[in-house]
């Protein structure tokens, strides 16, 4: 961590001296001079394209799991992706389930995002990796759940689904990702 900060400060100082911005891994730093000393922060913007928001009909099939008794082999869901200020929400209007998601990566027509749900009985992490093609998407959805009883770890269940989504409503999709 300290080597990353030192590298960033070094690049920032060189950047300030050359009057040319230098960005690390595509991140645009914000720099503020304070008493002649240059300081800054690195922020990442991982925005989902507007066209990905809306409601999708999603079909799933188990690819692999370590606990086949726990998961249905095939499923059908409704996913609604919404954005409210700085929070992106994935919800299912049929079941009433809703969760905030974190966008991990958007590259080309591929998006990766995660959802985390923790309480005293389990810790669950879901990672969705989808490729969008017009008004469809396809990819995988992996859910890893660690179970606990009285604070002691019991076991972990993992399931990986093959997912296919078809747009039901939302912004028109013509050109979904522009990179």
C-alpha atoms as a PDB file:
ATOM      1  CA  UNK A   1       0.000   0.000   0.000  1.00  0.00           C
ATOM      2  CA  UNK A   2       2.764   2.469   0.900  1.00  0.00           C
ATOM      3  CA  UNK A   3       4.596   1.717  -2.369  1.00  0.00           C
ATOM      4  CA  UNK A   4       1.400   2.572  -4.282  1.00  0.00           C
ATOM      5  CA  UNK A   5       1.133   5.886  -2.421  1.00  0.00           C
ATOM      6  CA  UNK A   6       4.803   6.662  -3.001  1.00  0.00           C
ATOM      7  CA  UNK A   7       4.464   5.812  -6.695  1.00  0.00           C
ATOM      8  CA  UNK A   8       1.410   8.036  -6.933  1.00  0.00           C
ATOM      9  CA  UNK A   9       3.205  10.962  -5.233  1.00  0.00           C
ATOM     10  CA  UNK A  10       6.222  10.508  -7.505  1.00  0.00           C
ATOM     11  CA  UNK A  11       4.013  10.469 -10.616  1.00  0.00           C
ATOM     12  CA  UNK A  12       2.052  13.466  -9.279  1.00  0.00           C
ATOM     13  CA  UNK A  13       5.233  15.502  -8.734  1.00  0.00           C
ATOM     14  CA  UNK A  14       6.549  14.629 -12.200  1.00  0.00           C
ATOM     15  CA  UNK A  15       3.136  15.461 -13.645  1.00  0.00           C
ATOM     16  CA  UNK A  16       3.069  18.842 -11.901  1.00  0.00           C
ATOM     17  CA  UNK A  17       6.562  19.666 -13.118  1.00  0.00           C
ATOM     18  CA  UNK A  18       5.805  18.738 -16.714  1.00  0.00           C
ATOM     19  CA  UNK A  19       2.398  20.488 -16.768  1.00  0.00           C
ATOM     20  CA  UNK A  20       0.967  17.318 -18.290  1.00  0.00           C
ATOM     21  CA  UNK A  21      -1.462  15.101 -16.415  1.00  0.00           C
ATOM     22  CA  UNK A  22      -0.439  11.496 -15.844  1.00  0.00           C
ATOM     23  CA  UNK A  23      -3.155   9.037 -14.895  1.00  0.00           C
ATOM     24  CA  UNK A  24      -2.580   5.723 -13.146  1.00  0.00           C
ATOM     25  CA  UNK A  25      -4.577   2.790 -14.568  1.00  0.00           C
ATOM     26  CA  UNK A  26      -6.941   5.234 -16.257  1.00  0.00           C
ATOM     27  CA  UNK A  27      -7.791   6.961 -12.961  1.00  0.00           C
ATOM     28  CA  UNK A  28      -7.940  10.724 -12.988  1.00  0.00           C
ATOM     29  CA  UNK A  29      -6.324  12.143  -9.831  1.00  0.00           C
ATOM     30  CA  UNK A  30      -7.611  15.285  -8.187  1.00  0.00           C
ATOM     31  CA  UNK A  31      -4.695  17.419  -6.932  1.00  0.00           C
ATOM     32  CA  UNK A  32      -4.819  20.287  -4.476  1.00  0.00           C
ATOM     33  CA  UNK A  33      -1.740  22.397  -3.643  1.00  0.00           C
ATOM     34  CA  UNK A  34      -1.546  23.134   0.111  1.00  0.00           C
ATOM     35  CA  UNK A  35       1.181  25.526   1.351  1.00  0.00           C
ATOM     36  CA  UNK A  36       3.296  24.724  -1.692  1.00  0.00           C
ATOM     37  CA  UNK A  37       3.030  20.953  -1.130  1.00  0.00           C
ATOM     38  CA  UNK A  38       1.213  18.923  -3.724  1.00  0.00           C
ATOM     39  CA  UNK A  39      -1.250  16.385  -2.379  1.00  0.00           C
ATOM     40  CA  UNK A  40      -3.901  14.362  -4.117  1.00  0.00           C
ATOM     41  CA  UNK A  41      -6.305  11.478  -4.181  1.00  0.00           C
ATOM     42  CA  UNK A  42      -7.118   8.847  -6.745  1.00  0.00           C
ATOM     43  CA  UNK A  43     -10.766   8.225  -7.586  1.00  0.00           C
ATOM     44  CA  UNK A  44     -12.231   5.623  -9.886  1.00  0.00           C
ATOM     45  CA  UNK A  45     -15.407   6.070 -11.841  1.00  0.00           C
ATOM     46  CA  UNK A  46     -16.973   2.772 -12.749  1.00  0.00           C
ATOM     47  CA  UNK A  47     -20.251   3.751 -14.292  1.00  0.00           C
ATOM     48  CA  UNK A  48     -22.709   1.374 -15.833  1.00  0.00           C
ATOM     49  CA  UNK A  49     -24.022   2.660 -19.149  1.00  0.00           C
ATOM     50  CA  UNK A  50     -27.519   4.155 -18.970  1.00  0.00           C
ATOM     51  CA  UNK A  51     -28.835   1.423 -21.290  1.00  0.00           C
ATOM     52  CA  UNK A  52     -28.089  -1.301 -18.727  1.00  0.00           C
ATOM     53  CA  UNK A  53     -30.596   0.188 -16.291  1.00  0.00           C
ATOM     54  CA  UNK A  54     -34.140  -1.087 -16.462  1.00  0.00           C
ATOM     55  CA  UNK A  55     -35.874  -4.424 -16.071  1.00  0.00           C
ATOM     56  CA  UNK A  56     -34.577  -7.736 -17.394  1.00  0.00           C
ATOM     57  CA  UNK A  57     -36.085 -11.213 -17.610  1.00  0.00           C
ATOM     58  CA  UNK A  58     -33.263 -13.519 -16.476  1.00  0.00           C
ATOM     59  CA  UNK A  59     -32.980 -17.287 -16.993  1.00  0.00           C
ATOM     60  CA  UNK A  60     -30.350 -19.240 -15.074  1.00  0.00           C
ATOM     61  CA  UNK A  61     -28.931 -22.750 -15.032  1.00  0.00           C
ATOM     62  CA  UNK A  62     -26.456 -24.207 -12.546  1.00  0.00           C
ATOM     63  CA  UNK A  63     -23.022 -24.732 -14.089  1.00  0.00           C
ATOM     64  CA  UNK A  64     -21.378 -26.021 -10.914  1.00  0.00           C
ATOM     65  CA  UNK A  65     -21.957 -26.196  -7.170  1.00  0.00           C
ATOM     66  CA  UNK A  66     -20.581 -27.919  -4.103  1.00  0.00           C
ATOM     67  CA  UNK A  67     -24.094 -28.213  -2.632  1.00  0.00           C
ATOM     68  CA  UNK A  68     -26.570 -29.464  -5.306  1.00  0.00           C
ATOM     69  CA  UNK A  69     -29.366 -30.071  -2.754  1.00  0.00           C
ATOM     70  CA  UNK A  70     -29.505 -26.370  -1.915  1.00  0.00           C
ATOM     71  CA  UNK A  71     -29.862 -24.818  -5.391  1.00  0.00           C
ATOM     72  CA  UNK A  72     -32.455 -25.212  -8.154  1.00  0.00           C
ATOM     73  CA  UNK A  73     -30.943 -26.473 -11.406  1.00  0.00           C
ATOM     74  CA  UNK A  74     -32.846 -23.881 -13.473  1.00  0.00           C
ATOM     75  CA  UNK A  75     -34.425 -20.602 -12.552  1.00  0.00           C
ATOM     76  CA  UNK A  76     -36.229 -17.574 -13.860  1.00  0.00           C
ATOM     77  CA  UNK A  77     -36.023 -14.138 -12.268  1.00  0.00           C
ATOM     78  CA  UNK A  78     -36.679 -10.481 -12.877  1.00  0.00           C
ATOM     79  CA  UNK A  79     -33.749  -8.112 -12.317  1.00  0.00           C
ATOM     80  CA  UNK A  80     -34.276  -4.372 -12.149  1.00  0.00           C
ATOM     81  CA  UNK A  81     -31.146  -2.208 -12.175  1.00  0.00           C
ATOM     82  CA  UNK A  82     -31.691   1.344 -10.891  1.00  0.00           C
ATOM     83  CA  UNK A  83     -29.485   4.260  -9.966  1.00  0.00           C
ATOM     84  CA  UNK A  84     -30.336   6.735  -7.238  1.00  0.00           C
ATOM     85  CA  UNK A  85     -27.643   9.385  -6.760  1.00  0.00           C
ATOM     86  CA  UNK A  86     -24.465   7.389  -5.971  1.00  0.00           C
ATOM     87  CA  UNK A  87     -26.165   4.057  -5.230  1.00  0.00           C
ATOM     88  CA  UNK A  88     -26.877   1.346  -7.800  1.00  0.00           C
ATOM     89  CA  UNK A  89     -29.594  -1.084  -6.764  1.00  0.00           C
ATOM     90  CA  UNK A  90     -30.415  -4.534  -8.107  1.00  0.00           C
ATOM     91  CA  UNK A  91     -33.911  -5.671  -7.174  1.00  0.00           C
ATOM     92  CA  UNK A  92     -36.419  -8.381  -7.967  1.00  0.00           C
ATOM     93  CA  UNK A  93     -39.950  -6.939  -7.989  1.00  0.00           C
ATOM     94  CA  UNK A  94     -41.478 -10.441  -7.804  1.00  0.00           C
ATOM     95  CA  UNK A  95     -39.707 -11.527  -4.592  1.00  0.00           C
ATOM     96  CA  UNK A  96     -39.231  -8.044  -3.127  1.00  0.00           C
ATOM     97  CA  UNK A  97     -35.475  -8.644  -2.751  1.00  0.00           C
ATOM     98  CA  UNK A  98     -33.278  -5.587  -3.170  1.00  0.00           C
ATOM     99  CA  UNK A  99     -29.560  -4.926  -2.693  1.00  0.00           C
ATOM    100  CA  UNK A 100     -26.951  -2.295  -3.416  1.00  0.00           C
ATOM    101  CA  UNK A 101     -24.291  -3.416  -5.864  1.00  0.00           C
ATOM    102  CA  UNK A 102     -20.701  -2.375  -6.463  1.00  0.00           C
ATOM    103  CA  UNK A 103     -19.520  -1.998 -10.041  1.00  0.00           C
ATOM    104  CA  UNK A 104     -16.099  -3.663 -10.211  1.00  0.00           C
ATOM    105  CA  UNK A 105     -15.320  -3.257 -13.903  1.00  0.00           C
ATOM    106  CA  UNK A 106     -16.811  -2.026 -17.150  1.00  0.00           C
ATOM    107  CA  UNK A 107     -14.750  -2.878 -20.200  1.00  0.00           C
ATOM    108  CA  UNK A 108     -16.079  -2.938 -23.732  1.00  0.00           C
ATOM    109  CA  UNK A 109     -19.435  -4.660 -23.594  1.00  0.00           C
ATOM    110  CA  UNK A 110     -18.584  -6.547 -20.386  1.00  0.00           C
ATOM    111  CA  UNK A 111     -19.659  -5.521 -16.870  1.00  0.00           C
ATOM    112  CA  UNK A 112     -18.703  -7.109 -13.551  1.00  0.00           C
ATOM    113  CA  UNK A 113     -20.514  -6.176 -10.350  1.00  0.00           C
ATOM    114  CA  UNK A 114     -20.870  -7.595  -6.843  1.00  0.00           C
ATOM    115  CA  UNK A 115     -23.426  -7.732  -4.081  1.00  0.00           C
ATOM    116  CA  UNK A 116     -22.576  -8.470  -0.443  1.00  0.00           C
ATOM    117  CA  UNK A 117     -24.981  -9.519   2.316  1.00  0.00           C
ATOM    118  CA  UNK A 118     -23.685 -10.232   5.820  1.00  0.00           C
ATOM    119  CA  UNK A 119     -25.384 -11.012   9.111  1.00  0.00           C
ATOM    120  CA  UNK A 120     -24.631 -13.180  12.149  1.00  0.00           C
ATOM    121  CA  UNK A 121     -25.757 -16.406  10.370  1.00  0.00           C
ATOM    122  CA  UNK A 122     -24.092 -16.007   6.973  1.00  0.00           C
ATOM    123  CA  UNK A 123     -21.779 -13.950   4.767  1.00  0.00           C
ATOM    124  CA  UNK A 124     -22.821 -13.935   1.139  1.00  0.00           C
ATOM    125  CA  UNK A 125     -21.000 -12.518  -1.879  1.00  0.00           C
ATOM    126  CA  UNK A 126     -22.496 -12.567  -5.352  1.00  0.00           C
ATOM    127  CA  UNK A 127     -20.404 -11.719  -8.408  1.00  0.00           C
ATOM    128  CA  UNK A 128     -22.095 -11.151 -11.757  1.00  0.00           C
ATOM    129  CA  UNK A 129     -20.063 -11.080 -14.978  1.00  0.00           C
ATOM    130  CA  UNK A 130     -22.174 -10.240 -18.011  1.00  0.00           C
ATOM    131  CA  UNK A 131     -21.646  -9.366 -21.652  1.00  0.00           C
ATOM    132  CA  UNK A 132     -24.307  -7.184 -23.210  1.00  0.00           C
ATOM    133  CA  UNK A 133     -25.435  -7.598 -26.804  1.00  0.00           C
ATOM    134  CA  UNK A 134     -28.150  -5.073 -27.777  1.00  0.00           C
ATOM    135  CA  UNK A 135     -31.208  -5.937 -25.661  1.00  0.00           C
ATOM    136  CA  UNK A 136     -29.726  -9.218 -24.302  1.00  0.00           C
ATOM    137  CA  UNK A 137     -26.984 -10.163 -21.900  1.00  0.00           C
ATOM    138  CA  UNK A 138     -25.251 -13.435 -21.123  1.00  0.00           C
ATOM    139  CA  UNK A 139     -22.642 -14.508 -18.612  1.00  0.00           C
ATOM    140  CA  UNK A 140     -22.302 -15.952 -15.140  1.00  0.00           C
ATOM    141  CA  UNK A 141     -23.546 -15.320 -11.622  1.00  0.00           C
ATOM    142  CA  UNK A 142     -21.506 -16.825  -8.781  1.00  0.00           C
ATOM    143  CA  UNK A 143     -22.801 -16.885  -5.204  1.00  0.00           C
ATOM    144  CA  UNK A 144     -20.528 -17.854  -2.319  1.00  0.00           C
ATOM    145  CA  UNK A 145     -22.159 -18.190   1.117  1.00  0.00           C
ATOM    146  CA  UNK A 146     -20.301 -18.844   4.373  1.00  0.00           C
ATOM    147  CA  UNK A 147     -22.564 -20.129   7.158  1.00  0.00           C
ATOM    148  CA  UNK A 148     -22.014 -19.440  10.883  1.00  0.00           C
ATOM    149  CA  UNK A 149     -23.614 -20.538  14.153  1.00  0.00           C
ATOM    150  CA  UNK A 150     -22.929 -18.612  17.352  1.00  0.00           C
ATOM    151  CA  UNK A 151     -20.022 -16.885  15.607  1.00  0.00           C
ATOM    152  CA  UNK A 152     -18.341 -20.124  14.543  1.00  0.00           C
ATOM    153  CA  UNK A 153     -17.808 -20.980  10.895  1.00  0.00           C
ATOM    154  CA  UNK A 154     -19.762 -24.044   9.733  1.00  0.00           C
ATOM    155  CA  UNK A 155     -19.313 -24.427   5.953  1.00  0.00           C
ATOM    156  CA  UNK A 156     -19.316 -22.638   2.597  1.00  0.00           C
ATOM    157  CA  UNK A 157     -21.738 -23.177  -0.288  1.00  0.00           C
ATOM    158  CA  UNK A 158     -20.795 -22.070  -3.779  1.00  0.00           C
ATOM    159  CA  UNK A 159     -22.966 -22.030  -6.876  1.00  0.00           C
ATOM    160  CA  UNK A 160     -22.190 -20.735 -10.344  1.00  0.00           C
ATOM    161  CA  UNK A 161     -25.019 -20.038 -12.763  1.00  0.00           C
ATOM    162  CA  UNK A 162     -25.048 -19.485 -16.488  1.00  0.00           C
ATOM    163  CA  UNK A 163     -27.353 -16.455 -16.945  1.00  0.00           C
ATOM    164  CA  UNK A 164     -29.166 -15.004 -19.953  1.00  0.00           C
ATOM    165  CA  UNK A 165     -31.161 -11.798 -19.737  1.00  0.00           C
ATOM    166  CA  UNK A 166     -33.652 -10.176 -22.096  1.00  0.00           C
ATOM    167  CA  UNK A 167     -34.590  -6.529 -21.690  1.00  0.00           C
ATOM    168  CA  UNK A 168     -38.207  -5.970 -20.628  1.00  0.00           C
ATOM    169  CA  UNK A 169     -38.157  -2.204 -20.027  1.00  0.00           C
ATOM    170  CA  UNK A 170     -35.785   0.716 -19.681  1.00  0.00           C
ATOM    171  CA  UNK A 171     -33.734   2.945 -21.971  1.00  0.00           C
ATOM    172  CA  UNK A 172     -33.576   1.842 -25.591  1.00  0.00           C
ATOM    173  CA  UNK A 173     -30.465  -0.169 -26.355  1.00  0.00           C
ATOM    174  CA  UNK A 174     -28.605   0.726 -29.496  1.00  0.00           C
ATOM    175  CA  UNK A 175     -25.039   1.212 -28.435  1.00  0.00           C
ATOM    176  CA  UNK A 176     -24.639   0.037 -24.873  1.00  0.00           C
ATOM    177  CA  UNK A 177     -20.948   0.506 -24.128  1.00  0.00           C
ATOM    178  CA  UNK A 178     -18.799   3.105 -25.797  1.00  0.00           C
ATOM    179  CA  UNK A 179     -15.198   2.143 -25.127  1.00  0.00           C
END
